Amino acid sequence: MKKETQEPPTSAEYKQMLDLLVIYCQAANQLAEMQARADSALLHAQEVASQDYADCQTAMADTKASLEIIARAHPEWFGERASLKTPFGTLQFRSGVKLEIANEEMTIILVEQAAKKDESLALAVKTVKTLNLEVLEKLDDAELARYRVKRVETKGFNVKPAKVELGRAVSTQEQAEGQQAFGA
């Protein structure tokens, strides 16, 4: 079955729309070229700086390790605040405590079981509840309204600039050549 072809509109608004699409496509292409130039410049800058960056990272890691060895050998330099301020920077020891949980799921089960006997542990496990939108979408509007939910229709508008579809152009060319070869 052959697809019906529609005559293109000829009004002034249609011409204006086409003119605007040309402007839009030109701007989109110019933005793409600008993005490509910016990406290329960034890549070039990264290539130039990559060795310097690696050298600086290595120097910082090596000197930090050496500074820590010296600082640990001389705790008397640090006093009560556990820090040493110099004109070139500050060295500081920090300490803290964190919880390390090997298996969170197992810990949750164990805490929930213990909370049955000791109510003070009841708040140790948080429960997060969220709506399952896939289930709600199946309900009719009247039932949704009972739960203070509205089904809202969203509409959008998008413009896609025209561009050559190289893969399609090649296959179309191959088909045309194949038909010519068979005398079609």
C-alpha atoms as a PDB file:
ATOM      1  CA  MET A   1       0.000   0.000   0.000  1.00  0.00           C
ATOM      2  CA  LYS A   2       1.476   3.328  -1.077  1.00  0.00           C
ATOM      3  CA  LYS A   3       1.643   6.098   1.487  1.00  0.00           C
ATOM      4  CA  GLU A   4      -0.389   9.198   0.657  1.00  0.00           C
ATOM      5  CA  THR A   5       1.675  12.292   0.026  1.00  0.00           C
ATOM      6  CA  GLN A   6       0.433  15.541   1.426  1.00  0.00           C
ATOM      7  CA  GLU A   7       0.788  18.771  -0.491  1.00  0.00           C
ATOM      8  CA  PRO A   8       2.998  21.198   1.408  1.00  0.00           C
ATOM      9  CA  PRO A   9       1.276  24.319   2.695  1.00  0.00           C
ATOM     10  CA  THR A  10       2.008  27.500   0.766  1.00  0.00           C
ATOM     11  CA  SER A  11       0.950  30.201   3.239  1.00  0.00           C
ATOM     12  CA  ALA A  12       3.154  33.051   4.416  1.00  0.00           C
ATOM     13  CA  GLU A  13       3.261  31.491   7.898  1.00  0.00           C
ATOM     14  CA  TYR A  14       4.580  28.245   6.417  1.00  0.00           C
ATOM     15  CA  LYS A  15       7.364  30.153   4.649  1.00  0.00           C
ATOM     16  CA  GLN A  16       8.111  31.991   7.895  1.00  0.00           C
ATOM     17  CA  MET A  17       8.263  28.641   9.712  1.00  0.00           C
ATOM     18  CA  LEU A  18      10.746  27.304   7.119  1.00  0.00           C
ATOM     19  CA  ASP A  19      12.858  30.469   7.413  1.00  0.00           C
ATOM     20  CA  LEU A  20      12.912  30.082  11.194  1.00  0.00           C
ATOM     21  CA  LEU A  21      13.891  26.408  10.884  1.00  0.00           C
ATOM     22  CA  VAL A  22      16.832  27.440   8.681  1.00  0.00           C
ATOM     23  CA  ILE A  23      17.962  29.935  11.338  1.00  0.00           C
ATOM     24  CA  TYR A  24      17.500  27.302  14.068  1.00  0.00           C
ATOM     25  CA  CYS A  25      19.501  24.692  12.125  1.00  0.00           C
ATOM     26  CA  GLN A  26      22.299  27.149  11.395  1.00  0.00           C
ATOM     27  CA  ALA A  27      22.507  28.113  15.076  1.00  0.00           C
ATOM     28  CA  ALA A  28      22.443  24.450  16.164  1.00  0.00           C
ATOM     29  CA  ASN A  29      25.236  23.604  13.717  1.00  0.00           C
ATOM     30  CA  GLN A  30      27.274  26.607  14.865  1.00  0.00           C
ATOM     31  CA  LEU A  31      26.841  25.536  18.501  1.00  0.00           C
ATOM     32  CA  ALA A  32      27.946  22.005  17.614  1.00  0.00           C
ATOM     33  CA  GLU A  33      31.051  23.396  15.888  1.00  0.00           C
ATOM     34  CA  MET A  34      31.799  25.590  18.913  1.00  0.00           C
ATOM     35  CA  GLN A  35      31.400  22.575  21.218  1.00  0.00           C
ATOM     36  CA  ALA A  36      33.741  20.508  19.041  1.00  0.00           C
ATOM     37  CA  ARG A  37      36.367  23.292  19.076  1.00  0.00           C
ATOM     38  CA  ALA A  38      36.037  23.659  22.859  1.00  0.00           C
ATOM     39  CA  ASP A  39      36.328  19.879  23.361  1.00  0.00           C
ATOM     40  CA  SER A  40      39.399  19.794  21.120  1.00  0.00           C
ATOM     41  CA  ALA A  41      41.024  22.713  22.981  1.00  0.00           C
ATOM     42  CA  LEU A  42      40.307  21.025  26.328  1.00  0.00           C
ATOM     43  CA  LEU A  43      41.811  17.763  25.118  1.00  0.00           C
ATOM     44  CA  HIS A  44      44.911  19.596  23.880  1.00  0.00           C
ATOM     45  CA  ALA A  45      45.272  21.417  27.231  1.00  0.00           C
ATOM     46  CA  GLN A  46      44.881  18.123  29.094  1.00  0.00           C
ATOM     47  CA  GLU A  47      47.542  16.483  26.918  1.00  0.00           C
ATOM     48  CA  VAL A  48      49.947  19.360  27.599  1.00  0.00           C
ATOM     49  CA  ALA A  49      49.293  19.360  31.351  1.00  0.00           C
ATOM     50  CA  SER A  50      48.925  15.614  31.944  1.00  0.00           C
ATOM     51  CA  GLN A  51      52.596  14.895  32.679  1.00  0.00           C
ATOM     52  CA  ASP A  52      52.931  17.981  34.885  1.00  0.00           C
ATOM     53  CA  TYR A  53      49.759  16.983  36.714  1.00  0.00           C
ATOM     54  CA  ALA A  54      51.024  13.435  37.277  1.00  0.00           C
ATOM     55  CA  ASP A  55      54.400  14.766  38.464  1.00  0.00           C
ATOM     56  CA  CYS A  56      52.700  17.154  40.922  1.00  0.00           C
ATOM     57  CA  GLN A  57      50.420  14.418  42.279  1.00  0.00           C
ATOM     58  CA  THR A  58      53.425  12.121  42.801  1.00  0.00           C
ATOM     59  CA  ALA A  59      55.459  14.900  44.466  1.00  0.00           C
ATOM     60  CA  MET A  60      52.583  15.734  46.822  1.00  0.00           C
ATOM     61  CA  ALA A  61      52.051  12.086  47.808  1.00  0.00           C
ATOM     62  CA  ASP A  62      55.777  11.494  48.365  1.00  0.00           C
ATOM     63  CA  THR A  63      56.315  14.675  50.374  1.00  0.00           C
ATOM     64  CA  LYS A  64      53.186  14.076  52.489  1.00  0.00           C
ATOM     65  CA  ALA A  65      54.485  10.612  53.403  1.00  0.00           C
ATOM     66  CA  SER A  66      57.913  12.052  54.268  1.00  0.00           C
ATOM     67  CA  LEU A  67      56.348  14.879  56.302  1.00  0.00           C
ATOM     68  CA  GLU A  68      54.268  12.378  58.277  1.00  0.00           C
ATOM     69  CA  ILE A  69      57.372  10.293  59.091  1.00  0.00           C
ATOM     70  CA  ILE A  70      59.190  13.397  60.376  1.00  0.00           C
ATOM     71  CA  ALA A  71      56.124  14.628  62.296  1.00  0.00           C
ATOM     72  CA  ARG A  72      55.607  11.276  64.020  1.00  0.00           C
ATOM     73  CA  ALA A  73      59.288  11.265  65.005  1.00  0.00           C
ATOM     74  CA  HIS A  74      58.829  14.644  66.731  1.00  0.00           C
ATOM     75  CA  PRO A  75      55.493  14.741  68.615  1.00  0.00           C
ATOM     76  CA  GLU A  76      56.937  17.431  70.928  1.00  0.00           C
ATOM     77  CA  TRP A  77      56.638  19.974  68.052  1.00  0.00           C
ATOM     78  CA  PHE A  78      52.845  19.725  68.036  1.00  0.00           C
ATOM     79  CA  GLY A  79      51.675  20.508  71.569  1.00  0.00           C
ATOM     80  CA  GLU A  80      48.092  20.105  72.769  1.00  0.00           C
ATOM     81  CA  ARG A  81      46.409  21.123  69.504  1.00  0.00           C
ATOM     82  CA  ALA A  82      48.207  18.379  67.551  1.00  0.00           C
ATOM     83  CA  SER A  83      49.141  20.911  64.862  1.00  0.00           C
ATOM     84  CA  LEU A  84      52.262  22.773  63.811  1.00  0.00           C
ATOM     85  CA  LYS A  85      51.849  26.043  61.924  1.00  0.00           C
ATOM     86  CA  THR A  86      54.734  27.279  59.769  1.00  0.00           C
ATOM     87  CA  PRO A  87      55.045  30.061  57.159  1.00  0.00           C
ATOM     88  CA  PHE A  88      54.871  27.283  54.523  1.00  0.00           C
ATOM     89  CA  GLY A  89      51.755  25.546  55.796  1.00  0.00           C
ATOM     90  CA  THR A  90      50.317  23.619  58.692  1.00  0.00           C
ATOM     91  CA  LEU A  91      50.883  20.019  59.726  1.00  0.00           C
ATOM     92  CA  GLN A  92      48.099  18.506  61.750  1.00  0.00           C
ATOM     93  CA  PHE A  93      47.238  15.144  63.230  1.00  0.00           C
ATOM     94  CA  ARG A  94      43.540  14.349  63.247  1.00  0.00           C
ATOM     95  CA  SER A  95      41.715  11.557  64.927  1.00  0.00           C
ATOM     96  CA  GLY A  96      38.152  10.441  64.737  1.00  0.00           C
ATOM     97  CA  VAL A  97      35.883   7.474  65.064  1.00  0.00           C
ATOM     98  CA  LYS A  98      33.647   5.974  62.415  1.00  0.00           C
ATOM     99  CA  LEU A  99      31.445   2.926  62.290  1.00  0.00           C
ATOM    100  CA  GLU A 100      32.578   0.210  59.953  1.00  0.00           C
ATOM    101  CA  ILE A 101      29.793  -2.184  58.986  1.00  0.00           C
ATOM    102  CA  ALA A 102      30.926  -5.319  57.196  1.00  0.00           C
ATOM    103  CA  ASN A 103      27.458  -6.498  56.104  1.00  0.00           C
ATOM    104  CA  GLU A 104      24.715  -3.880  56.455  1.00  0.00           C
ATOM    105  CA  GLU A 105      21.857  -6.295  55.689  1.00  0.00           C
ATOM    106  CA  MET A 106      23.001  -8.708  58.391  1.00  0.00           C
ATOM    107  CA  THR A 107      23.456  -5.867  60.882  1.00  0.00           C
ATOM    108  CA  ILE A 108      19.908  -4.634  60.184  1.00  0.00           C
ATOM    109  CA  ILE A 109      18.490  -8.100  60.865  1.00  0.00           C
ATOM    110  CA  LEU A 110      20.476  -8.425  64.100  1.00  0.00           C
ATOM    111  CA  VAL A 111      19.463  -4.932  65.317  1.00  0.00           C
ATOM    112  CA  GLU A 112      15.778  -5.566  64.487  1.00  0.00           C
ATOM    113  CA  GLN A 113      15.858  -8.822  66.451  1.00  0.00           C
ATOM    114  CA  ALA A 114      17.539  -7.114  69.421  1.00  0.00           C
ATOM    115  CA  ALA A 115      15.014  -4.221  69.261  1.00  0.00           C
ATOM    116  CA  LYS A 116      12.227  -6.669  70.108  1.00  0.00           C
ATOM    117  CA  LYS A 117      13.821  -7.042  73.557  1.00  0.00           C
ATOM    118  CA  ASP A 118      15.438  -3.593  73.912  1.00  0.00           C
ATOM    119  CA  GLU A 119      13.225  -0.728  72.713  1.00  0.00           C
ATOM    120  CA  SER A 120      16.149   1.714  72.725  1.00  0.00           C
ATOM    121  CA  LEU A 121      17.392  -0.010  69.554  1.00  0.00           C
ATOM    122  CA  ALA A 122      14.093   0.528  67.715  1.00  0.00           C
ATOM    123  CA  LEU A 123      15.360   3.793  66.204  1.00  0.00           C
ATOM    124  CA  ALA A 124      18.651   2.244  65.044  1.00  0.00           C
ATOM    125  CA  VAL A 125      17.078   1.166  61.740  1.00  0.00           C
ATOM    126  CA  LYS A 126      15.408   3.758  59.500  1.00  0.00           C
ATOM    127  CA  THR A 127      12.656   2.780  57.115  1.00  0.00           C
ATOM    128  CA  VAL A 128      12.142   4.860  53.987  1.00  0.00           C
ATOM    129  CA  LYS A 129       8.733   4.666  52.319  1.00  0.00           C
ATOM    130  CA  THR A 130       8.061   5.847  48.770  1.00  0.00           C
ATOM    131  CA  LEU A 131       5.076   5.572  46.478  1.00  0.00           C
ATOM    132  CA  ASN A 132       5.144   2.934  43.762  1.00  0.00           C
ATOM    133  CA  LEU A 133       4.115   5.113  40.814  1.00  0.00           C
ATOM    134  CA  GLU A 134       3.725   2.147  38.468  1.00  0.00           C
ATOM    135  CA  VAL A 135       0.917   0.772  40.639  1.00  0.00           C
ATOM    136  CA  LEU A 136      -0.733   4.175  41.047  1.00  0.00           C
ATOM    137  CA  GLU A 137      -0.696   4.777  37.281  1.00  0.00           C
ATOM    138  CA  LYS A 138      -3.001   1.762  36.846  1.00  0.00           C
ATOM    139  CA  LEU A 139      -5.727   3.298  39.048  1.00  0.00           C
ATOM    140  CA  ASP A 140      -8.567   5.323  37.548  1.00  0.00           C
ATOM    141  CA  ASP A 141      -8.784   9.084  38.122  1.00  0.00           C
ATOM    142  CA  ALA A 142     -11.591   8.812  40.710  1.00  0.00           C
ATOM    143  CA  GLU A 143      -9.583   6.441  42.861  1.00  0.00           C
ATOM    144  CA  LEU A 144      -6.460   8.575  42.459  1.00  0.00           C
ATOM    145  CA  ALA A 145      -8.479  11.585  43.673  1.00  0.00           C
ATOM    146  CA  ARG A 146      -9.308   9.718  46.899  1.00  0.00           C
ATOM    147  CA  TYR A 147      -5.569   9.612  47.592  1.00  0.00           C
ATOM    148  CA  ARG A 148      -5.134  13.268  46.552  1.00  0.00           C
ATOM    149  CA  VAL A 149      -3.256  12.337  43.398  1.00  0.00           C
ATOM    150  CA  LYS A 150      -3.996  13.892  39.996  1.00  0.00           C
ATOM    151  CA  ARG A 151      -3.103  12.510  36.618  1.00  0.00           C
ATOM    152  CA  VAL A 152      -1.588  15.498  34.805  1.00  0.00           C
ATOM    153  CA  GLU A 153      -1.047  15.449  31.079  1.00  0.00           C
ATOM    154  CA  THR A 154       2.247  16.920  30.037  1.00  0.00           C
ATOM    155  CA  LYS A 155       2.952  18.275  26.612  1.00  0.00           C
ATOM    156  CA  GLY A 156       6.234  19.362  25.181  1.00  0.00           C
ATOM    157  CA  PHE A 157       7.640  20.924  22.088  1.00  0.00           C
ATOM    158  CA  ASN A 158      10.922  20.041  20.464  1.00  0.00           C
ATOM    159  CA  VAL A 159      12.805  21.139  17.390  1.00  0.00           C
ATOM    160  CA  LYS A 160      15.327  18.879  15.684  1.00  0.00           C
ATOM    161  CA  PRO A 161      17.627  20.409  13.122  1.00  0.00           C
ATOM    162  CA  ALA A 162      17.782  18.623   9.786  1.00  0.00           C
ATOM    163  CA  LYS A 163      20.949  16.658   9.138  1.00  0.00           C
ATOM    164  CA  VAL A 164      22.208  14.146   6.670  1.00  0.00           C
ATOM    165  CA  GLU A 165      21.716  10.584   7.854  1.00  0.00           C
ATOM    166  CA  LEU A 166      24.908   9.101   6.453  1.00  0.00           C
ATOM    167  CA  GLY A 167      24.004   5.470   7.134  1.00  0.00           C
ATOM    168  CA  ARG A 168      20.645   5.869   5.440  1.00  0.00           C
ATOM    169  CA  ALA A 169      22.172   7.787   2.518  1.00  0.00           C
ATOM    170  CA  VAL A 170      24.705   5.006   1.909  1.00  0.00           C
ATOM    171  CA  SER A 171      22.073   2.241   2.004  1.00  0.00           C
ATOM    172  CA  THR A 172      19.795   4.255  -0.311  1.00  0.00           C
ATOM    173  CA  GLN A 173      22.697   4.708  -2.747  1.00  0.00           C
ATOM    174  CA  GLU A 174      23.494   0.987  -2.617  1.00  0.00           C
ATOM    175  CA  GLN A 175      19.852   0.120  -3.318  1.00  0.00           C
ATOM    176  CA  ALA A 176      19.779   2.509  -6.279  1.00  0.00           C
ATOM    177  CA  GLU A 177      22.976   1.009  -7.680  1.00  0.00           C
ATOM    178  CA  GLY A 178      21.589  -2.507  -7.171  1.00  0.00           C
ATOM    179  CA  GLN A 179      18.418  -1.647  -9.050  1.00  0.00           C
ATOM    180  CA  GLN A 180      20.422  -0.146 -11.927  1.00  0.00           C
ATOM    181  CA  ALA A 181      22.549  -3.288 -12.135  1.00  0.00           C
ATOM    182  CA  PHE A 182      19.445  -5.452 -12.560  1.00  0.00           C
ATOM    183  CA  GLY A 183      17.894  -3.086 -15.095  1.00  0.00           C
ATOM    184  CA  ALA A 184      15.064  -2.013 -12.869  1.00  0.00           C
END
